[in-house]
N, C-alpha and C. Protein backbone atom coordinates (compact mmCIF):
# COMPACT_ATOMS: atom_id res chain seq x y z
N UNK A 1 29.99 202.73 66.12
CA UNK A 1 30.90 202.95 65.04
C UNK A 1 31.95 201.84 64.98
N UNK A 2 31.85 200.91 65.92
CA UNK A 2 32.81 199.81 65.92
C UNK A 2 32.49 198.84 64.78
N UNK A 3 33.50 198.45 64.09
CA UNK A 3 33.37 197.56 62.93
C UNK A 3 33.52 196.11 63.38
N UNK A 4 32.72 195.22 62.80
CA UNK A 4 32.81 193.80 63.11
C UNK A 4 34.16 193.28 62.61
N UNK A 5 34.93 192.63 63.49
CA UNK A 5 36.24 192.13 63.03
C UNK A 5 36.08 191.00 62.02
N UNK A 6 37.07 190.88 61.16
CA UNK A 6 37.13 189.78 60.20
C UNK A 6 38.41 189.02 60.48
N UNK A 7 38.32 187.69 60.50
CA UNK A 7 39.45 186.84 60.81
C UNK A 7 39.85 186.02 59.59
N UNK A 8 41.15 185.93 59.38
CA UNK A 8 41.69 185.03 58.36
C UNK A 8 42.14 183.77 59.10
N UNK A 9 41.54 182.64 58.73
CA UNK A 9 41.83 181.36 59.39
C UNK A 9 42.54 180.47 58.39
N UNK A 10 43.72 179.98 58.78
CA UNK A 10 44.50 179.10 57.91
C UNK A 10 44.67 177.76 58.64
N UNK A 11 44.28 176.67 57.96
CA UNK A 11 44.35 175.36 58.60
C UNK A 11 44.58 174.25 57.57
N UNK A 12 45.09 173.10 58.07
CA UNK A 12 45.31 171.90 57.25
C UNK A 12 44.01 171.11 57.14
N UNK A 13 43.79 170.52 55.96
CA UNK A 13 42.67 169.60 55.78
C UNK A 13 43.01 168.66 54.63
N UNK A 14 43.27 167.41 54.92
CA UNK A 14 43.51 166.37 53.93
C UNK A 14 44.53 166.78 52.85
N UNK A 15 45.75 167.01 53.26
CA UNK A 15 46.86 167.38 52.37
C UNK A 15 46.64 168.68 51.61
N UNK A 16 45.81 169.54 52.17
CA UNK A 16 45.58 170.86 51.60
C UNK A 16 45.62 171.89 52.72
N UNK A 17 45.95 173.12 52.36
CA UNK A 17 45.93 174.22 53.32
C UNK A 17 44.80 175.15 52.90
N UNK A 18 43.84 175.31 53.79
CA UNK A 18 42.70 176.19 53.54
C UNK A 18 42.98 177.56 54.14
N UNK A 19 42.64 178.59 53.40
CA UNK A 19 42.74 179.96 53.89
C UNK A 19 41.38 180.59 53.64
N UNK A 20 40.66 180.87 54.71
CA UNK A 20 39.33 181.46 54.54
C UNK A 20 39.10 182.57 55.54
N UNK A 21 38.05 183.34 55.30
CA UNK A 21 37.73 184.51 56.12
C UNK A 21 36.38 184.30 56.78
N UNK A 22 36.29 184.74 58.05
CA UNK A 22 35.05 184.58 58.80
C UNK A 22 34.90 185.75 59.78
N UNK A 23 33.65 185.98 60.17
CA UNK A 23 33.37 187.06 61.12
C UNK A 23 33.31 186.56 62.56
N UNK A 24 33.16 185.25 62.75
CA UNK A 24 33.05 184.72 64.11
C UNK A 24 33.86 183.45 64.26
N UNK A 25 34.77 183.44 65.22
CA UNK A 25 35.52 182.23 65.58
C UNK A 25 35.60 182.16 67.09
N UNK A 26 35.50 180.97 67.63
CA UNK A 26 35.62 180.81 69.07
C UNK A 26 35.86 179.34 69.41
N UNK A 27 36.33 179.12 70.63
CA UNK A 27 36.58 177.77 71.10
C UNK A 27 35.26 177.04 71.25
N UNK A 28 35.20 175.84 70.75
CA UNK A 28 33.98 175.06 70.78
C UNK A 28 33.77 174.41 72.14
N UNK A 29 32.52 174.05 72.42
CA UNK A 29 32.23 173.25 73.61
C UNK A 29 32.74 171.82 73.42
N UNK A 30 32.92 171.40 72.15
CA UNK A 30 33.55 170.11 71.87
C UNK A 30 35.04 170.30 72.09
N UNK A 31 35.59 169.64 73.05
CA UNK A 31 36.98 169.84 73.43
C UNK A 31 37.92 169.60 72.25
N UNK A 32 38.83 170.55 72.02
CA UNK A 32 39.85 170.40 71.00
C UNK A 32 39.46 170.95 69.63
N UNK A 33 38.31 171.62 69.55
CA UNK A 33 37.85 172.17 68.28
C UNK A 33 37.65 173.67 68.36
N UNK A 34 37.79 174.32 67.22
CA UNK A 34 37.53 175.74 67.07
C UNK A 34 36.31 175.87 66.16
N UNK A 35 35.35 176.70 66.53
CA UNK A 35 34.16 176.91 65.69
C UNK A 35 34.38 178.13 64.81
N UNK A 36 34.08 177.98 63.54
CA UNK A 36 34.21 179.06 62.57
C UNK A 36 32.82 179.29 61.96
N UNK A 37 32.33 180.53 62.05
CA UNK A 37 31.00 180.87 61.55
C UNK A 37 31.05 182.14 60.72
N UNK A 38 29.96 182.41 60.01
CA UNK A 38 29.79 183.63 59.22
C UNK A 38 30.94 183.82 58.23
N UNK A 39 31.07 182.85 57.33
CA UNK A 39 32.12 182.89 56.32
C UNK A 39 31.95 184.11 55.43
N UNK A 40 33.08 184.69 55.02
CA UNK A 40 33.07 185.88 54.17
C UNK A 40 33.79 185.54 52.87
N UNK A 41 33.09 185.75 51.76
CA UNK A 41 33.67 185.53 50.44
C UNK A 41 33.60 186.85 49.67
N UNK A 42 34.20 186.88 48.48
CA UNK A 42 34.21 188.09 47.66
C UNK A 42 32.81 188.61 47.41
N UNK A 43 32.73 189.83 46.93
CA UNK A 43 31.44 190.47 46.67
C UNK A 43 30.66 189.70 45.62
N UNK A 44 29.34 189.66 45.78
CA UNK A 44 28.47 188.91 44.88
C UNK A 44 28.50 189.49 43.47
N UNK A 45 28.54 190.81 43.32
CA UNK A 45 28.51 191.44 42.01
C UNK A 45 29.87 191.55 41.34
N UNK A 46 30.86 190.89 41.91
CA UNK A 46 32.22 190.98 41.39
C UNK A 46 32.31 190.35 39.99
N UNK A 47 32.97 191.04 39.07
CA UNK A 47 33.06 190.58 37.68
C UNK A 47 34.09 189.47 37.53
N UNK A 48 35.23 189.59 38.19
CA UNK A 48 36.30 188.60 38.08
C UNK A 48 35.98 187.40 38.96
N UNK A 49 36.05 186.21 38.37
CA UNK A 49 35.78 184.97 39.11
C UNK A 49 37.10 184.29 39.42
N UNK A 50 37.32 184.00 40.70
CA UNK A 50 38.53 183.32 41.14
C UNK A 50 38.19 181.85 41.36
N UNK A 51 38.77 180.91 40.58
CA UNK A 51 38.41 179.50 40.73
C UNK A 51 38.70 178.93 42.11
N UNK A 52 39.78 179.39 42.77
CA UNK A 52 40.09 178.91 44.12
C UNK A 52 39.03 179.31 45.11
N UNK A 53 38.58 180.55 45.02
CA UNK A 53 37.54 181.02 45.94
C UNK A 53 36.19 180.37 45.61
N UNK A 54 35.93 180.13 44.33
CA UNK A 54 34.69 179.46 43.94
C UNK A 54 34.63 178.05 44.52
N UNK A 55 35.77 177.36 44.55
CA UNK A 55 35.83 176.02 45.14
C UNK A 55 35.49 176.08 46.63
N UNK A 56 36.02 177.09 47.33
CA UNK A 56 35.69 177.28 48.74
C UNK A 56 34.21 177.60 48.93
N UNK A 57 33.68 178.50 48.11
CA UNK A 57 32.26 178.86 48.20
C UNK A 57 31.38 177.63 48.04
N UNK A 58 31.71 176.80 47.06
CA UNK A 58 30.92 175.59 46.83
C UNK A 58 31.03 174.61 48.00
N UNK A 59 32.22 174.47 48.55
CA UNK A 59 32.42 173.54 49.66
C UNK A 59 31.69 173.99 50.92
N UNK A 60 31.64 175.30 51.15
CA UNK A 60 31.03 175.83 52.37
C UNK A 60 29.66 176.47 52.12
N UNK A 61 29.05 176.21 50.96
CA UNK A 61 27.78 176.84 50.59
C UNK A 61 26.66 176.53 51.59
N UNK A 62 26.54 175.32 52.02
CA UNK A 62 25.46 174.91 52.92
C UNK A 62 25.92 174.81 54.38
N UNK A 63 27.11 175.32 54.67
CA UNK A 63 27.69 175.20 56.02
C UNK A 63 27.36 176.44 56.84
N UNK A 64 26.75 176.22 58.00
CA UNK A 64 26.46 177.31 58.93
C UNK A 64 27.64 177.52 59.86
N UNK A 65 28.19 176.42 60.31
CA UNK A 65 29.29 176.45 61.28
C UNK A 65 30.23 175.30 60.96
N UNK A 66 31.52 175.56 61.04
CA UNK A 66 32.51 174.52 60.78
C UNK A 66 33.33 174.31 62.05
N UNK A 67 33.60 173.07 62.39
CA UNK A 67 34.41 172.71 63.55
C UNK A 67 35.78 172.27 63.03
N UNK A 68 36.81 173.02 63.37
CA UNK A 68 38.16 172.72 62.90
C UNK A 68 38.98 172.23 64.10
N UNK A 69 39.63 171.06 63.98
CA UNK A 69 40.46 170.58 65.09
C UNK A 69 41.59 171.58 65.39
N UNK A 70 41.83 171.84 66.66
CA UNK A 70 42.85 172.82 67.03
C UNK A 70 44.23 172.45 66.53
N UNK A 71 44.53 171.15 66.46
CA UNK A 71 45.86 170.76 65.99
C UNK A 71 46.02 170.97 64.48
N UNK A 72 44.93 171.30 63.76
CA UNK A 72 45.02 171.59 62.33
C UNK A 72 45.21 173.08 62.03
N UNK A 73 45.00 173.91 63.03
CA UNK A 73 45.11 175.36 62.84
C UNK A 73 46.57 175.74 62.65
N UNK A 74 46.85 176.52 61.61
CA UNK A 74 48.18 177.04 61.38
C UNK A 74 48.29 178.45 61.96
N UNK A 75 47.26 179.27 61.65
CA UNK A 75 47.33 180.66 62.07
C UNK A 75 45.95 181.30 61.98
N UNK A 76 45.69 182.27 62.87
CA UNK A 76 44.48 183.08 62.82
C UNK A 76 44.90 184.53 62.95
N UNK A 77 44.47 185.35 62.00
CA UNK A 77 44.78 186.78 62.02
C UNK A 77 43.49 187.58 62.00
N UNK A 78 43.45 188.68 62.76
CA UNK A 78 42.35 189.63 62.62
C UNK A 78 42.79 190.63 61.56
N UNK A 79 41.97 190.82 60.52
CA UNK A 79 42.35 191.66 59.40
C UNK A 79 41.36 192.81 59.23
N UNK A 80 41.78 193.84 58.50
CA UNK A 80 40.94 195.01 58.25
C UNK A 80 39.76 194.68 57.33
N UNK A 81 40.04 193.92 56.26
CA UNK A 81 38.97 193.52 55.34
C UNK A 81 39.31 192.15 54.76
N UNK A 82 38.27 191.49 54.24
CA UNK A 82 38.50 190.14 53.72
C UNK A 82 39.36 190.17 52.48
N UNK A 83 40.06 189.07 52.26
CA UNK A 83 40.86 188.88 51.07
C UNK A 83 40.24 187.76 50.25
N UNK A 84 41.03 187.16 49.43
CA UNK A 84 40.56 186.07 48.58
C UNK A 84 40.84 184.75 49.29
N UNK A 85 39.81 183.96 49.51
CA UNK A 85 39.98 182.64 50.10
C UNK A 85 40.68 181.71 49.13
N UNK A 86 41.47 180.78 49.67
CA UNK A 86 42.26 179.90 48.81
C UNK A 86 42.34 178.50 49.39
N UNK A 87 42.62 177.56 48.53
CA UNK A 87 42.99 176.21 48.94
C UNK A 87 44.31 175.92 48.25
N UNK A 88 45.36 175.66 49.04
CA UNK A 88 46.68 175.36 48.51
C UNK A 88 46.92 173.86 48.61
N UNK A 89 47.37 173.26 47.53
CA UNK A 89 47.78 171.86 47.56
C UNK A 89 49.16 171.79 48.19
N UNK A 90 49.39 170.85 49.07
CA UNK A 90 50.72 170.67 49.63
C UNK A 90 51.60 170.01 48.56
N UNK A 91 52.88 170.36 48.53
CA UNK A 91 53.78 169.77 47.52
C UNK A 91 53.84 168.25 47.65
N UNK A 92 54.06 167.59 46.53
CA UNK A 92 54.17 166.12 46.51
C UNK A 92 55.28 165.68 47.45
N UNK A 93 55.02 164.65 48.21
CA UNK A 93 56.03 164.13 49.13
C UNK A 93 55.99 164.78 50.50
N UNK A 94 55.25 165.89 50.63
CA UNK A 94 55.22 166.56 51.93
C UNK A 94 54.37 165.78 52.94
N UNK A 95 53.54 164.86 52.46
CA UNK A 95 52.69 164.09 53.36
C UNK A 95 53.39 162.86 53.93
N UNK A 96 54.65 162.61 53.57
CA UNK A 96 55.34 161.41 54.03
C UNK A 96 55.76 161.52 55.49
N UNK A 97 56.11 162.71 55.92
CA UNK A 97 56.52 162.90 57.30
C UNK A 97 55.66 164.01 57.89
N UNK A 98 55.02 163.72 59.00
CA UNK A 98 54.18 164.73 59.64
C UNK A 98 54.24 164.54 61.14
N UNK A 99 53.98 165.60 61.87
CA UNK A 99 53.90 165.50 63.31
C UNK A 99 52.68 164.68 63.68
N UNK A 100 52.82 163.88 64.72
CA UNK A 100 51.67 163.13 65.21
C UNK A 100 50.74 164.11 65.90
N UNK A 101 49.46 164.16 65.49
CA UNK A 101 48.57 165.12 66.13
C UNK A 101 48.36 164.79 67.60
N UNK A 102 48.50 165.79 68.43
CA UNK A 102 48.29 165.60 69.86
C UNK A 102 47.24 166.59 70.33
N UNK A 103 46.56 166.22 71.36
CA UNK A 103 45.55 167.10 71.94
C UNK A 103 46.19 167.90 73.06
N UNK A 104 45.83 169.18 73.18
CA UNK A 104 46.34 169.96 74.31
C UNK A 104 45.78 169.39 75.60
N UNK A 105 46.52 169.58 76.68
CA UNK A 105 46.07 169.05 77.96
C UNK A 105 44.91 169.83 78.50
N UNK A 106 43.96 169.15 79.11
CA UNK A 106 42.82 169.82 79.72
C UNK A 106 43.27 170.60 80.94
N UNK A 107 42.69 171.77 81.14
CA UNK A 107 43.03 172.53 82.34
C UNK A 107 42.71 171.73 83.60
N UNK A 108 43.59 171.76 84.56
CA UNK A 108 43.38 171.06 85.82
C UNK A 108 43.79 169.60 85.81
N UNK A 109 44.17 169.06 84.64
CA UNK A 109 44.60 167.65 84.63
C UNK A 109 46.05 167.57 85.07
N UNK A 110 46.38 166.45 85.68
CA UNK A 110 47.72 166.25 86.21
C UNK A 110 48.45 165.28 85.28
N UNK A 111 49.64 165.68 84.82
CA UNK A 111 50.42 164.79 83.96
C UNK A 111 50.94 163.60 84.77
N UNK A 112 50.91 162.47 84.15
CA UNK A 112 51.42 161.26 84.80
C UNK A 112 50.41 160.61 85.72
N UNK A 113 49.20 161.16 85.81
CA UNK A 113 48.17 160.59 86.67
C UNK A 113 47.60 159.36 86.00
N UNK A 114 47.70 158.23 86.64
CA UNK A 114 47.23 156.98 86.05
C UNK A 114 45.74 156.76 86.27
N UNK A 115 45.11 157.60 87.09
CA UNK A 115 43.67 157.48 87.32
C UNK A 115 43.33 156.42 88.36
N UNK A 116 44.33 155.85 89.05
CA UNK A 116 44.05 154.81 90.05
C UNK A 116 43.69 155.42 91.38
């Protein structure tokens, strides 16, 4: 009777913020990436067409699995049911100043180790 969880994943991608829903997310074997699988979009028989969600459907139509860099992730929520996927344009001028993307430290690595 346990229901498969649905996750809302929000992340940056080329001056846009993507908000999409998926049934499977986990840390990738590729260091620094999160794997997102089993994308969930609105019902197929739905009468109302949302252009934002249609753009997402088209972009991820042939995608089985997506690898999202961890430094691009804004937030991940486990939700009761899927919502409407969206792509938000960042306001003009917001791309002028940004944090330099950094990779999280690998477990067991020592800071300041020069490798000599």
